Amino acid sequence: MSKGRAEAAAGAPGILLRYLQEQNRPYSAQDVFGNLQREHGLGKAAVVKALEQLAQQGKIKEKTYGKQKIYFADQDQFAMVSDADLQGLDAQIVALAAKVQSLQQSCRHMEAELKDLTSALTTPEMQKEIQDLKKECAGYRERLKNIKAATNHVTPEEKEQVHRERQKYCREWRKRKRMATELSDAILEGYPKSKKQFFEEVGIETDEDYNVKLPDP
């Protein structure tokens, strides 16, 4: 055993006695070991030995439940508590619980605020964003200026003329397509092969071959 571990083991009874008196609740040896190991560097064997020693000396109480032993402070050393004192303690517990709940809520609000602040742009980032937006706006203003200065604008009359011509050509397209369909259907009535084979032999190309759709009227 190292010197540090030996010193911790020697002081274990005093440490465990103070712990059980302060907590004033039952613990197993494993519970005490788990709670005090990191803070005091106590080994499990030293904890078990110290608890048994304290129990034999009558400084703490020991109860056996099946295969497990439970240790707790001797209750005779504590003064009797009246009903009024218990009620006062209950009131303190309620007040402290409410305070804890309020503090937890405040912590949640502060955590949310911190998250918003950390996700927001920093001052340099915002300044760069502003400069980028100014450059973008300047580009749009220049484009708008060039468009306004152009002399090749389409007049309403020219636009209407284009629309009329489009309608005219679409009507002609629709008319000729219907005539070609009727003619091919008439030929196919006495044609021994399929429509696809007929189109291939004659060299007919359809709108569908080029993924072209007739515009709506």
N, C-alpha and C. Protein backbone atom coordinates (compact mmCIF):
# COMPACT_ATOMS: atom_id res chain seq x y z
N MET A 1 0.85 -1.19 0.00
CA MET A 1 0.00 0.00 0.00
C MET A 1 0.89 1.25 0.00
N SER A 2 0.57 2.22 -0.83
CA SER A 2 1.35 3.45 -0.90
C SER A 2 1.15 4.26 0.36
N LYS A 3 2.09 5.21 0.57
CA LYS A 3 2.02 6.05 1.76
C LYS A 3 0.73 6.86 1.78
N GLY A 4 0.35 7.43 0.61
CA GLY A 4 -0.88 8.23 0.54
C GLY A 4 -2.11 7.41 0.83
N ARG A 5 -2.17 6.18 0.27
CA ARG A 5 -3.32 5.30 0.52
C ARG A 5 -3.36 4.88 1.99
N ALA A 6 -2.18 4.66 2.59
CA ALA A 6 -2.14 4.27 3.99
C ALA A 6 -2.64 5.39 4.89
N GLU A 7 -2.25 6.62 4.59
CA GLU A 7 -2.71 7.76 5.38
C GLU A 7 -4.23 7.92 5.26
N ALA A 8 -4.75 7.74 4.02
CA ALA A 8 -6.19 7.85 3.80
C ALA A 8 -6.93 6.78 4.60
N ALA A 9 -6.39 5.55 4.61
CA ALA A 9 -7.03 4.46 5.33
C ALA A 9 -7.03 4.73 6.84
N ALA A 10 -5.92 5.31 7.34
CA ALA A 10 -5.84 5.61 8.77
C ALA A 10 -6.87 6.66 9.18
N GLY A 11 -7.14 7.59 8.31
CA GLY A 11 -8.11 8.64 8.63
C GLY A 11 -9.52 8.31 8.22
N ALA A 12 -9.73 7.11 7.66
CA ALA A 12 -11.05 6.73 7.16
C ALA A 12 -12.14 6.75 8.23
N PRO A 13 -11.92 6.22 9.43
CA PRO A 13 -13.00 6.23 10.43
C PRO A 13 -13.54 7.63 10.71
N GLY A 14 -12.64 8.60 10.88
CA GLY A 14 -13.08 9.96 11.15
C GLY A 14 -13.85 10.55 9.98
N ILE A 15 -13.36 10.28 8.77
CA ILE A 15 -14.03 10.80 7.56
C ILE A 15 -15.42 10.21 7.42
N LEU A 16 -15.54 8.89 7.61
CA LEU A 16 -16.84 8.22 7.45
C LEU A 16 -17.81 8.62 8.55
N LEU A 17 -17.30 8.81 9.78
CA LEU A 17 -18.18 9.21 10.87
C LEU A 17 -18.78 10.58 10.60
N ARG A 18 -17.95 11.53 10.17
CA ARG A 18 -18.47 12.87 9.86
C ARG A 18 -19.46 12.81 8.71
N TYR A 19 -19.15 11.99 7.73
CA TYR A 19 -20.03 11.89 6.55
C TYR A 19 -21.41 11.34 6.93
N LEU A 20 -21.43 10.28 7.69
CA LEU A 20 -22.71 9.68 8.08
C LEU A 20 -23.51 10.62 8.99
N GLN A 21 -22.83 11.36 9.87
CA GLN A 21 -23.53 12.30 10.75
C GLN A 21 -24.09 13.49 9.96
N GLU A 22 -23.31 13.97 9.00
CA GLU A 22 -23.78 15.11 8.19
C GLU A 22 -24.94 14.71 7.29
N GLN A 23 -24.85 13.54 6.67
CA GLN A 23 -25.90 13.11 5.76
C GLN A 23 -27.12 12.58 6.51
N ASN A 24 -26.86 11.89 7.62
CA ASN A 24 -27.91 11.33 8.48
C ASN A 24 -28.93 10.52 7.67
N ARG A 25 -28.41 9.58 6.91
CA ARG A 25 -29.25 8.66 6.16
C ARG A 25 -28.50 7.35 5.99
N PRO A 26 -29.17 6.24 5.75
CA PRO A 26 -28.50 4.94 5.66
C PRO A 26 -27.73 4.77 4.34
N TYR A 27 -26.58 4.11 4.44
CA TYR A 27 -25.74 3.83 3.28
C TYR A 27 -25.18 2.43 3.39
N SER A 28 -24.96 1.80 2.25
CA SER A 28 -24.19 0.56 2.23
C SER A 28 -22.72 0.94 2.08
N ALA A 29 -21.84 -0.03 2.30
CA ALA A 29 -20.40 0.23 2.16
C ALA A 29 -20.09 0.65 0.72
N GLN A 30 -20.78 0.06 -0.26
CA GLN A 30 -20.55 0.40 -1.66
C GLN A 30 -20.97 1.85 -1.93
N ASP A 31 -22.07 2.27 -1.33
CA ASP A 31 -22.53 3.65 -1.51
C ASP A 31 -21.50 4.64 -0.96
N VAL A 32 -21.03 4.37 0.25
CA VAL A 32 -20.04 5.27 0.87
C VAL A 32 -18.76 5.30 0.04
N PHE A 33 -18.30 4.14 -0.40
CA PHE A 33 -17.10 4.07 -1.23
C PHE A 33 -17.26 4.88 -2.51
N GLY A 34 -18.41 4.72 -3.19
CA GLY A 34 -18.65 5.45 -4.43
C GLY A 34 -18.72 6.95 -4.22
N ASN A 35 -19.28 7.38 -3.07
CA ASN A 35 -19.45 8.82 -2.82
C ASN A 35 -18.16 9.51 -2.40
N LEU A 36 -17.26 8.78 -1.71
CA LEU A 36 -16.08 9.41 -1.13
C LEU A 36 -14.77 9.03 -1.80
N GLN A 37 -14.82 8.11 -2.73
CA GLN A 37 -13.59 7.61 -3.34
C GLN A 37 -12.78 8.72 -4.01
N ARG A 38 -13.43 9.50 -4.83
CA ARG A 38 -12.71 10.52 -5.59
C ARG A 38 -12.18 11.63 -4.69
N GLU A 39 -12.99 12.05 -3.73
CA GLU A 39 -12.60 13.19 -2.88
C GLU A 39 -11.49 12.82 -1.89
N HIS A 40 -11.57 11.61 -1.32
CA HIS A 40 -10.62 11.25 -0.25
C HIS A 40 -9.66 10.13 -0.64
N GLY A 41 -9.86 9.52 -1.81
CA GLY A 41 -8.95 8.46 -2.25
C GLY A 41 -9.01 7.20 -1.41
N LEU A 42 -10.19 6.91 -0.89
CA LEU A 42 -10.33 5.72 -0.03
C LEU A 42 -10.57 4.48 -0.88
N GLY A 43 -9.90 3.36 -0.52
CA GLY A 43 -10.16 2.09 -1.17
C GLY A 43 -11.39 1.43 -0.56
N LYS A 44 -11.99 0.49 -1.27
CA LYS A 44 -13.21 -0.15 -0.76
C LYS A 44 -12.93 -0.95 0.50
N ALA A 45 -11.79 -1.62 0.53
CA ALA A 45 -11.46 -2.43 1.72
C ALA A 45 -11.32 -1.54 2.96
N ALA A 46 -10.71 -0.35 2.77
CA ALA A 46 -10.55 0.58 3.90
C ALA A 46 -11.90 1.10 4.36
N VAL A 47 -12.82 1.32 3.43
CA VAL A 47 -14.16 1.79 3.79
C VAL A 47 -14.90 0.73 4.59
N VAL A 48 -14.86 -0.51 4.11
CA VAL A 48 -15.55 -1.61 4.81
C VAL A 48 -14.99 -1.78 6.22
N LYS A 49 -13.67 -1.77 6.32
CA LYS A 49 -13.02 -1.94 7.62
C LYS A 49 -13.37 -0.82 8.58
N ALA A 50 -13.37 0.43 8.08
CA ALA A 50 -13.67 1.59 8.94
C ALA A 50 -15.11 1.56 9.40
N LEU A 51 -16.04 1.18 8.53
CA LEU A 51 -17.46 1.11 8.92
C LEU A 51 -17.67 0.04 9.99
N GLU A 52 -17.05 -1.11 9.81
CA GLU A 52 -17.19 -2.18 10.80
C GLU A 52 -16.60 -1.75 12.14
N GLN A 53 -15.47 -1.05 12.08
CA GLN A 53 -14.83 -0.57 13.31
C GLN A 53 -15.72 0.42 14.04
N LEU A 54 -16.31 1.36 13.30
CA LEU A 54 -17.19 2.36 13.90
C LEU A 54 -18.42 1.69 14.52
N ALA A 55 -18.94 0.67 13.83
CA ALA A 55 -20.12 -0.04 14.35
C ALA A 55 -19.78 -0.79 15.64
N GLN A 56 -18.60 -1.43 15.66
CA GLN A 56 -18.18 -2.16 16.86
C GLN A 56 -17.96 -1.22 18.04
N GLN A 57 -17.51 -0.01 17.75
CA GLN A 57 -17.28 0.99 18.79
C GLN A 57 -18.57 1.67 19.23
N GLY A 58 -19.67 1.38 18.54
CA GLY A 58 -20.96 1.97 18.90
C GLY A 58 -21.12 3.41 18.43
N LYS A 59 -20.24 3.86 17.55
CA LYS A 59 -20.33 5.24 17.07
C LYS A 59 -21.36 5.38 15.94
N ILE A 60 -21.62 4.29 15.24
CA ILE A 60 -22.66 4.28 14.21
C ILE A 60 -23.47 3.01 14.38
N LYS A 61 -24.60 2.91 13.72
CA LYS A 61 -25.46 1.74 13.80
C LYS A 61 -25.31 0.91 12.53
N GLU A 62 -25.49 -0.40 12.71
CA GLU A 62 -25.36 -1.33 11.59
C GLU A 62 -26.60 -2.21 11.53
N LYS A 63 -27.19 -2.37 10.37
CA LYS A 63 -28.33 -3.25 10.17
C LYS A 63 -28.04 -4.17 9.00
N THR A 64 -28.45 -5.42 9.13
CA THR A 64 -28.23 -6.40 8.06
C THR A 64 -29.55 -6.73 7.39
N TYR A 65 -29.58 -6.58 6.08
CA TYR A 65 -30.76 -6.92 5.28
C TYR A 65 -30.33 -7.97 4.26
N GLY A 66 -30.65 -9.23 4.54
CA GLY A 66 -30.19 -10.30 3.66
C GLY A 66 -28.69 -10.41 3.71
N LYS A 67 -28.01 -10.24 2.58
CA LYS A 67 -26.57 -10.31 2.52
C LYS A 67 -25.91 -8.94 2.59
N GLN A 68 -26.72 -7.89 2.71
CA GLN A 68 -26.18 -6.53 2.67
C GLN A 68 -26.28 -5.86 4.04
N LYS A 69 -25.22 -5.13 4.40
CA LYS A 69 -25.21 -4.37 5.63
C LYS A 69 -25.41 -2.89 5.33
N ILE A 70 -26.22 -2.26 6.20
CA ILE A 70 -26.52 -0.85 6.06
C ILE A 70 -25.99 -0.12 7.30
N TYR A 71 -25.35 1.03 7.06
CA TYR A 71 -24.77 1.80 8.16
C TYR A 71 -25.41 3.19 8.20
N PHE A 72 -25.62 3.69 9.41
CA PHE A 72 -26.19 5.03 9.56
C PHE A 72 -25.79 5.59 10.93
N ALA A 73 -25.92 6.92 11.07
CA ALA A 73 -25.51 7.58 12.29
C ALA A 73 -26.40 7.16 13.46
N ASP A 74 -25.83 7.15 14.65
CA ASP A 74 -26.58 6.82 15.87
C ASP A 74 -27.58 7.96 16.12
N GLN A 75 -28.87 7.63 16.08
CA GLN A 75 -29.89 8.66 16.20
C GLN A 75 -30.01 9.22 17.63
N ASP A 76 -29.45 8.51 18.62
CA ASP A 76 -29.53 8.99 20.00
C ASP A 76 -28.75 10.28 20.21
N GLN A 77 -27.78 10.54 19.34
CA GLN A 77 -26.96 11.74 19.50
C GLN A 77 -27.68 13.01 19.04
N PHE A 78 -28.78 12.83 18.31
CA PHE A 78 -29.50 13.97 17.79
C PHE A 78 -30.65 14.33 18.73
N ALA A 79 -30.88 15.61 18.89
CA ALA A 79 -31.97 16.07 19.76
C ALA A 79 -33.31 15.72 19.15
N MET A 80 -34.30 15.52 20.01
CA MET A 80 -35.65 15.24 19.54
C MET A 80 -36.20 16.45 18.81
N VAL A 81 -36.90 16.19 17.73
CA VAL A 81 -37.48 17.27 16.91
C VAL A 81 -38.99 17.28 17.11
N SER A 82 -39.53 18.43 17.47
CA SER A 82 -40.97 18.55 17.70
C SER A 82 -41.71 18.64 16.37
N ASP A 83 -43.04 18.50 16.47
CA ASP A 83 -43.88 18.63 15.27
C ASP A 83 -43.75 20.02 14.67
N ALA A 84 -43.64 21.01 15.51
CA ALA A 84 -43.50 22.39 15.01
C ALA A 84 -42.20 22.55 14.23
N ASP A 85 -41.12 21.92 14.77
CA ASP A 85 -39.84 21.98 14.06
C ASP A 85 -39.93 21.28 12.71
N LEU A 86 -40.62 20.13 12.70
CA LEU A 86 -40.78 19.40 11.44
C LEU A 86 -41.56 20.22 10.42
N GLN A 87 -42.61 20.87 10.91
CA GLN A 87 -43.39 21.72 10.00
C GLN A 87 -42.55 22.88 9.47
N GLY A 88 -41.69 23.42 10.34
CA GLY A 88 -40.81 24.49 9.89
C GLY A 88 -39.83 24.00 8.83
N LEU A 89 -39.30 22.79 9.05
CA LEU A 89 -38.39 22.22 8.06
C LEU A 89 -39.10 21.94 6.74
N ASP A 90 -40.35 21.45 6.83
CA ASP A 90 -41.13 21.21 5.62
C ASP A 90 -41.33 22.52 4.85
N ALA A 91 -41.62 23.61 5.59
CA ALA A 91 -41.82 24.91 4.95
C ALA A 91 -40.52 25.37 4.27
N GLN A 92 -39.39 25.13 4.94
CA GLN A 92 -38.11 25.50 4.35
C GLN A 92 -37.84 24.69 3.07
N ILE A 93 -38.20 23.42 3.11
CA ILE A 93 -38.00 22.56 1.93
C ILE A 93 -38.83 23.07 0.75
N VAL A 94 -40.09 23.42 1.03
CA VAL A 94 -40.96 23.94 -0.03
C VAL A 94 -40.40 25.23 -0.60
N ALA A 95 -39.95 26.12 0.29
CA ALA A 95 -39.39 27.40 -0.17
C ALA A 95 -38.13 27.19 -0.99
N LEU A 96 -37.26 26.29 -0.53
CA LEU A 96 -36.02 26.01 -1.26
C LEU A 96 -36.31 25.34 -2.60
N ALA A 97 -37.30 24.45 -2.64
CA ALA A 97 -37.67 23.80 -3.90
C ALA A 97 -38.17 24.82 -4.91
N ALA A 98 -38.98 25.79 -4.43
CA ALA A 98 -39.48 26.84 -5.32
C ALA A 98 -38.33 27.70 -5.83
N LYS A 99 -37.36 27.96 -4.94
CA LYS A 99 -36.20 28.76 -5.33
C LYS A 99 -35.37 28.02 -6.38
N VAL A 100 -35.19 26.71 -6.15
CA VAL A 100 -34.45 25.91 -7.12
C VAL A 100 -35.14 25.92 -8.48
N GLN A 101 -36.47 25.77 -8.47
CA GLN A 101 -37.22 25.79 -9.72
C GLN A 101 -37.07 27.13 -10.44
N SER A 102 -37.12 28.22 -9.66
CA SER A 102 -36.95 29.55 -10.25
C SER A 102 -35.56 29.72 -10.84
N LEU A 103 -34.55 29.24 -10.12
CA LEU A 103 -33.18 29.34 -10.62
C LEU A 103 -32.98 28.49 -11.87
N GLN A 104 -33.59 27.31 -11.90
CA GLN A 104 -33.49 26.46 -13.08
C GLN A 104 -34.13 27.13 -14.29
N GLN A 105 -35.28 27.78 -14.07
CA GLN A 105 -35.94 28.49 -15.17
C GLN A 105 -35.08 29.65 -15.66
N SER A 106 -34.47 30.38 -14.72
CA SER A 106 -33.58 31.48 -15.11
C SER A 106 -32.39 30.95 -15.91
N CYS A 107 -31.85 29.81 -15.49
CA CYS A 107 -30.73 29.21 -16.22
C CYS A 107 -31.13 28.84 -17.64
N ARG A 108 -32.35 28.30 -17.79
CA ARG A 108 -32.81 27.94 -19.13
C ARG A 108 -32.94 29.18 -20.02
N HIS A 109 -33.47 30.28 -19.44
CA HIS A 109 -33.59 31.52 -20.20
C HIS A 109 -32.21 32.04 -20.61
N MET A 110 -31.27 31.98 -19.67
CA MET A 110 -29.92 32.47 -19.98
C MET A 110 -29.23 31.58 -21.01
N GLU A 111 -29.47 30.27 -20.92
CA GLU A 111 -28.89 29.37 -21.91
C GLU A 111 -29.45 29.66 -23.31
N ALA A 112 -30.76 29.92 -23.39
CA ALA A 112 -31.37 30.26 -24.67
C ALA A 112 -30.82 31.57 -25.21
N GLU A 113 -30.65 32.56 -24.32
CA GLU A 113 -30.11 33.85 -24.73
C GLU A 113 -28.66 33.69 -25.20
N LEU A 114 -27.89 32.88 -24.49
CA LEU A 114 -26.51 32.63 -24.87
C LEU A 114 -26.43 31.95 -26.23
N LYS A 115 -27.35 31.01 -26.47
CA LYS A 115 -27.38 30.32 -27.76
C LYS A 115 -27.67 31.30 -28.89
N ASP A 116 -28.62 32.22 -28.65
CA ASP A 116 -28.94 33.23 -29.67
C ASP A 116 -27.74 34.13 -29.93
N LEU A 117 -27.05 34.51 -28.87
CA LEU A 117 -25.91 35.41 -29.03
C LEU A 117 -24.76 34.73 -29.76
N THR A 118 -24.51 33.46 -29.44
CA THR A 118 -23.40 32.76 -30.08
C THR A 118 -23.70 32.45 -31.55
N SER A 119 -24.99 32.31 -31.89
CA SER A 119 -25.34 32.03 -33.29
C SER A 119 -25.46 33.30 -34.13
N ALA A 120 -25.52 34.47 -33.47
CA ALA A 120 -25.65 35.73 -34.21
C ALA A 120 -24.30 36.12 -34.82
N LEU A 121 -24.37 36.97 -35.84
CA LEU A 121 -23.15 37.44 -36.50
C LEU A 121 -22.37 38.36 -35.57
N THR A 122 -21.06 38.27 -35.65
CA THR A 122 -20.22 39.20 -34.91
C THR A 122 -20.20 40.55 -35.64
N THR A 123 -19.68 41.58 -34.98
CA THR A 123 -19.63 42.91 -35.59
C THR A 123 -18.83 42.89 -36.89
N PRO A 124 -17.62 42.29 -36.94
CA PRO A 124 -16.90 42.23 -38.22
C PRO A 124 -17.68 41.47 -39.30
N GLU A 125 -18.34 40.38 -38.91
CA GLU A 125 -19.13 39.62 -39.89
C GLU A 125 -20.29 40.45 -40.42
N MET A 126 -20.95 41.20 -39.54
CA MET A 126 -22.06 42.06 -39.99
C MET A 126 -21.55 43.17 -40.90
N GLN A 127 -20.40 43.74 -40.59
CA GLN A 127 -19.83 44.78 -41.45
C GLN A 127 -19.51 44.24 -42.84
N LYS A 128 -18.96 43.03 -42.90
CA LYS A 128 -18.67 42.41 -44.19
C LYS A 128 -19.95 42.12 -44.95
N GLU A 129 -20.98 41.64 -44.24
CA GLU A 129 -22.27 41.36 -44.88
C GLU A 129 -22.87 42.63 -45.47
N ILE A 130 -22.76 43.74 -44.75
CA ILE A 130 -23.28 45.02 -45.24
C ILE A 130 -22.54 45.45 -46.50
N GLN A 131 -21.21 45.30 -46.50
CA GLN A 131 -20.42 45.68 -47.67
C GLN A 131 -20.79 44.81 -48.88
N ASP A 132 -20.98 43.53 -48.66
CA ASP A 132 -21.37 42.63 -49.76
C ASP A 132 -22.73 43.03 -50.32
N LEU A 133 -23.67 43.37 -49.43
CA LEU A 133 -25.01 43.78 -49.90
C LEU A 133 -24.95 45.10 -50.66
N LYS A 134 -24.09 46.00 -50.21
CA LYS A 134 -23.94 47.28 -50.93
C LYS A 134 -23.40 47.05 -52.34
N LYS A 135 -22.42 46.14 -52.46
CA LYS A 135 -21.88 45.83 -53.78
C LYS A 135 -22.95 45.20 -54.67
N GLU A 136 -23.74 44.32 -54.08
CA GLU A 136 -24.81 43.67 -54.85
C GLU A 136 -25.84 44.69 -55.32
N CYS A 137 -26.22 45.60 -54.43
CA CYS A 137 -27.19 46.64 -54.82
C CYS A 137 -26.62 47.55 -55.90
N ALA A 138 -25.32 47.87 -55.80
CA ALA A 138 -24.69 48.71 -56.82
C ALA A 138 -24.73 48.02 -58.18
N GLY A 139 -24.51 46.71 -58.19
CA GLY A 139 -24.59 45.97 -59.45
C GLY A 139 -25.98 46.00 -60.05
N TYR A 140 -27.01 45.86 -59.19
CA TYR A 140 -28.39 45.92 -59.68
C TYR A 140 -28.71 47.31 -60.24
N ARG A 141 -28.25 48.35 -59.53
CA ARG A 141 -28.50 49.71 -60.02
C ARG A 141 -27.84 49.95 -61.38
N GLU A 142 -26.66 49.41 -61.59
CA GLU A 142 -25.97 49.57 -62.87
C GLU A 142 -26.72 48.85 -63.98
N ARG A 143 -27.20 47.65 -63.68
CA ARG A 143 -27.97 46.91 -64.69
C ARG A 143 -29.25 47.64 -65.04
N LEU A 144 -29.94 48.18 -64.02
CA LEU A 144 -31.17 48.92 -64.26
C LEU A 144 -30.91 50.16 -65.10
N LYS A 145 -29.79 50.83 -64.80
CA LYS A 145 -29.42 52.02 -65.56
C LYS A 145 -29.18 51.70 -67.03
N ASN A 146 -28.50 50.58 -67.29
CA ASN A 146 -28.24 50.17 -68.68
C ASN A 146 -29.51 49.79 -69.41
N ILE A 147 -30.42 49.15 -68.68
CA ILE A 147 -31.69 48.76 -69.31
C ILE A 147 -32.50 49.99 -69.69
N LYS A 148 -32.55 50.98 -68.77
CA LYS A 148 -33.29 52.21 -69.07
C LYS A 148 -32.67 53.00 -70.21
N ALA A 149 -31.35 52.93 -70.33
CA ALA A 149 -30.66 53.69 -71.37
C ALA A 149 -30.72 53.00 -72.73
N ALA A 150 -31.11 51.74 -72.78
CA ALA A 150 -31.15 51.02 -74.06
C ALA A 150 -32.21 51.60 -74.98
N THR A 151 -31.94 51.53 -76.31
CA THR A 151 -32.87 52.09 -77.31
C THR A 151 -33.65 51.02 -78.04
N ASN A 152 -33.41 49.76 -77.70
CA ASN A 152 -34.07 48.66 -78.42
C ASN A 152 -35.22 48.07 -77.63
N HIS A 153 -35.94 48.88 -76.89
CA HIS A 153 -37.08 48.39 -76.13
C HIS A 153 -38.21 47.97 -77.08
N VAL A 154 -38.93 46.95 -76.68
CA VAL A 154 -40.07 46.47 -77.45
C VAL A 154 -41.29 47.30 -77.08
N THR A 155 -41.92 47.90 -78.08
CA THR A 155 -43.11 48.72 -77.82
C THR A 155 -44.31 47.82 -77.62
N PRO A 156 -45.37 48.31 -76.98
CA PRO A 156 -46.59 47.52 -76.81
C PRO A 156 -47.16 47.04 -78.15
N GLU A 157 -47.05 47.89 -79.18
CA GLU A 157 -47.57 47.52 -80.50
C GLU A 157 -46.80 46.34 -81.08
N GLU A 158 -45.46 46.38 -80.90
CA GLU A 158 -44.64 45.29 -81.40
C GLU A 158 -44.92 43.99 -80.64
N LYS A 159 -45.12 44.13 -79.38
CA LYS A 159 -45.43 42.96 -78.57
C LYS A 159 -46.75 42.34 -78.99
N GLU A 160 -47.75 43.17 -79.28
CA GLU A 160 -49.05 42.68 -79.71
C GLU A 160 -48.95 42.01 -81.07
N GLN A 161 -48.11 42.56 -81.96
CA GLN A 161 -47.93 41.98 -83.27
C GLN A 161 -47.30 40.59 -83.18
N VAL A 162 -46.31 40.44 -82.30
CA VAL A 162 -45.67 39.14 -82.10
C VAL A 162 -46.68 38.14 -81.56
N HIS A 163 -47.53 38.58 -80.64
CA HIS A 163 -48.54 37.70 -80.07
C HIS A 163 -49.52 37.22 -81.14
N ARG A 164 -49.95 38.13 -82.01
CA ARG A 164 -50.89 37.75 -83.08
C ARG A 164 -50.25 36.76 -84.04
N GLU A 165 -49.00 37.00 -84.39
CA GLU A 165 -48.32 36.09 -85.31
C GLU A 165 -48.15 34.71 -84.68
N ARG A 166 -47.86 34.70 -83.41
CA ARG A 166 -47.72 33.42 -82.71
C ARG A 166 -49.02 32.64 -82.78
N GLN A 167 -50.13 33.30 -82.49
CA GLN A 167 -51.44 32.64 -82.55
C GLN A 167 -51.73 32.11 -83.96
N LYS A 168 -51.37 32.92 -84.98
CA LYS A 168 -51.59 32.52 -86.37
C LYS A 168 -50.82 31.25 -86.70
N TYR A 169 -49.53 31.22 -86.36
CA TYR A 169 -48.70 30.06 -86.67
C TYR A 169 -49.13 28.83 -85.88
N CYS A 170 -49.56 29.05 -84.62
CA CYS A 170 -50.04 27.92 -83.84
C CYS A 170 -51.30 27.31 -84.44
N ARG A 171 -52.20 28.16 -84.91
CA ARG A 171 -53.41 27.66 -85.56
C ARG A 171 -53.06 26.87 -86.81
N GLU A 172 -52.10 27.36 -87.59
CA GLU A 172 -51.68 26.65 -88.80
C GLU A 172 -51.01 25.33 -88.45
N TRP A 173 -50.20 25.37 -87.42
CA TRP A 173 -49.55 24.15 -86.95
C TRP A 173 -50.58 23.10 -86.56
N ARG A 174 -51.57 23.53 -85.77
CA ARG A 174 -52.60 22.61 -85.30
C ARG A 174 -53.40 22.05 -86.47
N LYS A 175 -53.69 22.91 -87.44
CA LYS A 175 -54.47 22.51 -88.62
C LYS A 175 -53.72 21.46 -89.44
N ARG A 176 -52.43 21.72 -89.70
CA ARG A 176 -51.65 20.81 -90.53
C ARG A 176 -51.39 19.49 -89.80
N LYS A 177 -51.22 19.56 -88.50
CA LYS A 177 -51.02 18.33 -87.76
C LYS A 177 -52.27 17.46 -87.81
N ARG A 178 -53.43 18.08 -87.73
CA ARG A 178 -54.67 17.32 -87.80
C ARG A 178 -54.83 16.69 -89.18
N MET A 179 -54.49 17.45 -90.24
CA MET A 179 -54.60 16.92 -91.60
C MET A 179 -53.65 15.74 -91.80
N ALA A 180 -52.40 15.88 -91.27
CA ALA A 180 -51.43 14.80 -91.44
C ALA A 180 -51.88 13.56 -90.67
N THR A 181 -52.46 13.76 -89.49
CA THR A 181 -52.94 12.62 -88.70
C THR A 181 -54.07 11.90 -89.42
N GLU A 182 -55.02 12.67 -89.96
CA GLU A 182 -56.15 12.05 -90.67
C GLU A 182 -55.67 11.30 -91.91
N LEU A 183 -54.69 11.88 -92.62
CA LEU A 183 -54.19 11.24 -93.83
C LEU A 183 -53.45 9.95 -93.49
N SER A 184 -52.60 9.98 -92.46
CA SER A 184 -51.86 8.78 -92.09
C SER A 184 -52.79 7.69 -91.57
N ASP A 185 -53.83 8.09 -90.82
CA ASP A 185 -54.79 7.10 -90.33
C ASP A 185 -55.51 6.42 -91.48
N ALA A 186 -55.85 7.21 -92.53
CA ALA A 186 -56.53 6.62 -93.69
C ALA A 186 -55.62 5.63 -94.41
N ILE A 187 -54.34 5.97 -94.54
CA ILE A 187 -53.40 5.06 -95.21
C ILE A 187 -53.20 3.80 -94.38
N LEU A 188 -53.12 3.96 -93.05
CA LEU A 188 -52.84 2.81 -92.18
C LEU A 188 -53.98 1.80 -92.14
N GLU A 189 -55.16 2.22 -92.58
CA GLU A 189 -56.28 1.27 -92.59
C GLU A 189 -55.99 0.09 -93.51
N GLY A 190 -55.25 0.35 -94.59
CA GLY A 190 -54.93 -0.76 -95.51
C GLY A 190 -53.47 -1.11 -95.50
N TYR A 191 -52.71 -0.57 -94.56
CA TYR A 191 -51.27 -0.83 -94.50
C TYR A 191 -51.02 -2.05 -93.64
N PRO A 192 -50.23 -3.00 -94.14
CA PRO A 192 -50.06 -4.27 -93.41
C PRO A 192 -49.16 -4.19 -92.20
N LYS A 193 -48.39 -3.12 -92.06
CA LYS A 193 -47.45 -3.02 -90.96
C LYS A 193 -47.95 -2.02 -89.91
N SER A 194 -47.15 -1.85 -88.89
CA SER A 194 -47.55 -0.96 -87.80
C SER A 194 -47.36 0.51 -88.20
N LYS A 195 -47.93 1.38 -87.38
CA LYS A 195 -47.82 2.82 -87.61
C LYS A 195 -46.37 3.27 -87.52
N LYS A 196 -45.63 2.73 -86.54
CA LYS A 196 -44.23 3.10 -86.37
C LYS A 196 -43.40 2.71 -87.59
N GLN A 197 -43.66 1.48 -88.09
CA GLN A 197 -42.93 1.04 -89.28
C GLN A 197 -43.27 1.89 -90.50
N PHE A 198 -44.51 2.28 -90.61
CA PHE A 198 -44.94 3.14 -91.72
C PHE A 198 -44.21 4.48 -91.67
N PHE A 199 -44.16 5.09 -90.49
CA PHE A 199 -43.48 6.38 -90.35
C PHE A 199 -42.00 6.27 -90.68
N GLU A 200 -41.38 5.15 -90.26
CA GLU A 200 -39.95 4.97 -90.53
C GLU A 200 -39.68 4.80 -92.02
N GLU A 201 -40.54 4.05 -92.72
CA GLU A 201 -40.34 3.82 -94.16
C GLU A 201 -40.58 5.09 -94.97
N VAL A 202 -41.58 5.86 -94.56
CA VAL A 202 -41.91 7.08 -95.31
C VAL A 202 -40.99 8.23 -94.91
N GLY A 203 -40.44 8.16 -93.67
CA GLY A 203 -39.58 9.24 -93.20
C GLY A 203 -40.34 10.36 -92.51
N ILE A 204 -41.44 10.00 -91.86
CA ILE A 204 -42.23 11.01 -91.14
C ILE A 204 -41.67 11.21 -89.73
N GLU A 205 -41.44 12.43 -89.35
CA GLU A 205 -40.97 12.77 -88.01
C GLU A 205 -42.09 13.52 -87.28
N THR A 206 -42.38 13.10 -86.07
CA THR A 206 -43.48 13.69 -85.31
C THR A 206 -42.96 14.67 -84.26
N ASP A 207 -43.91 15.45 -83.70
CA ASP A 207 -43.53 16.37 -82.62
C ASP A 207 -42.98 15.59 -81.43
N GLU A 208 -43.55 14.42 -81.18
CA GLU A 208 -43.13 13.62 -80.04
C GLU A 208 -41.69 13.14 -80.18
N ASP A 209 -41.24 12.94 -81.41
CA ASP A 209 -39.85 12.51 -81.62
C ASP A 209 -38.85 13.53 -81.10
N TYR A 210 -39.26 14.77 -81.08
CA TYR A 210 -38.38 15.87 -80.63
C TYR A 210 -38.85 16.51 -79.34
N ASN A 211 -39.78 15.80 -78.66
CA ASN A 211 -40.30 16.31 -77.37
C ASN A 211 -40.87 17.72 -77.51
N VAL A 212 -41.57 17.95 -78.62
CA VAL A 212 -42.18 19.25 -78.87
C VAL A 212 -43.68 19.14 -78.58
N LYS A 213 -44.20 20.11 -77.86
CA LYS A 213 -45.62 20.12 -77.51
C LYS A 213 -46.29 21.34 -78.12
N LEU A 214 -47.43 21.11 -78.75
CA LEU A 214 -48.18 22.21 -79.33
C LEU A 214 -48.68 23.15 -78.26
N PRO A 215 -48.39 24.46 -78.33
CA PRO A 215 -48.83 25.40 -77.28
C PRO A 215 -50.35 25.42 -77.18
N ASP A 216 -50.83 25.74 -75.97
CA ASP A 216 -52.26 25.88 -75.77
C ASP A 216 -52.78 27.06 -76.58
N PRO A 217 -54.01 26.94 -77.09
CA PRO A 217 -54.55 28.06 -77.89
C PRO A 217 -54.77 29.31 -77.05
